[in-house]
Amino acid sequence: MKRKDLIEYLLQHGIVFIREGSNHSVFYNPMYKRASTVPRHNEIDTFLGKKICKDLGISPIEKR
């Protein structure tokens, strides 16, 4: 999946962008007080996308 699509999905589910690191972007779910990182690659493996969603406490993104 595209990184842009994953980030858009996270933001639609109330996830907040915190900061940019050198290789990752950090996102935070204020409802569950959980954080996760999204790598700065154009393509993100579907398994990793689902893991990021699970870490943040939201339903996994479905492959489009």
Protein backbone atom coordinates (compact mmCIF):
# COMPACT_ATOMS: atom_id res chain seq x y z
CA MET A 1 0.00 0.00 0.00
CA LYS A 2 1.04 3.57 -0.50
CA ARG A 3 2.34 5.48 2.53
CA LYS A 4 0.04 8.37 1.67
CA ASP A 5 -3.03 6.07 1.81
CA LEU A 6 -2.02 4.67 5.21
CA ILE A 7 -1.48 8.13 6.70
CA GLU A 8 -4.81 9.32 5.31
CA TYR A 9 -6.52 6.28 6.91
CA LEU A 10 -4.86 6.98 10.27
CA LEU A 11 -5.92 10.64 10.27
CA GLN A 12 -9.52 9.70 9.40
CA HIS A 13 -9.62 7.50 12.52
CA GLY A 14 -8.54 10.24 14.92
CA ILE A 15 -4.84 9.45 14.99
CA VAL A 16 -2.67 12.53 15.55
CA PHE A 17 0.64 13.27 13.83
CA ILE A 18 3.30 14.00 16.48
CA ARG A 19 6.64 14.51 14.73
CA GLU A 20 9.00 13.53 11.94
CA GLY A 21 12.06 11.50 12.78
CA SER A 22 14.99 10.91 10.45
CA ASN A 23 13.50 7.69 9.01
CA HIS A 24 9.98 7.54 10.48
CA SER A 25 6.93 9.65 11.25
CA VAL A 26 5.40 9.26 14.72
CA PHE A 27 1.64 9.04 15.17
CA TYR A 28 -0.36 8.96 18.42
CA ASN A 29 -3.84 7.79 19.39
CA PRO A 30 -4.97 10.08 22.24
CA MET A 31 -7.97 7.88 23.06
CA TYR A 32 -5.87 4.81 23.92
CA LYS A 33 -2.59 6.66 24.62
CA ARG A 34 -0.69 4.55 22.09
CA ALA A 35 1.99 5.59 19.63
CA SER A 36 3.47 4.00 16.54
CA THR A 37 5.90 4.91 13.78
CA VAL A 38 5.36 4.88 10.03
CA PRO A 39 8.49 4.41 7.91
CA ARG A 40 9.27 6.90 5.16
CA HIS A 41 8.99 4.52 2.22
CA ASN A 42 6.70 5.10 -0.76
CA GLU A 43 5.39 1.54 -0.45
CA ILE A 44 4.57 -0.04 2.92
CA ASP A 45 4.00 -3.78 3.22
CA THR A 46 0.37 -4.70 3.96
CA PHE A 47 1.43 -6.71 7.02
CA LEU A 48 3.27 -3.69 8.44
CA GLY A 49 0.28 -1.44 7.75
CA LYS A 50 -1.99 -3.79 9.70
CA LYS A 51 0.53 -3.93 12.56
CA ILE A 52 0.69 -0.13 12.76
CA CYS A 53 -3.12 0.02 12.97
CA LYS A 54 -3.14 -2.67 15.66
CA ASP A 55 -0.45 -0.82 17.65
CA LEU A 56 -2.60 2.33 17.55
CA GLY A 57 -5.77 0.46 18.58
CA ILE A 58 -7.81 0.94 15.39
CA SER A 59 -9.25 -1.56 12.91
CA PRO A 60 -6.74 -2.73 10.31
CA ILE A 61 -6.71 -1.09 6.91
CA GLU A 62 -8.25 -3.22 4.19
CA LYS A 63 -6.38 -3.73 0.95
CA ARG A 64 -7.94 -1.56 -1.78
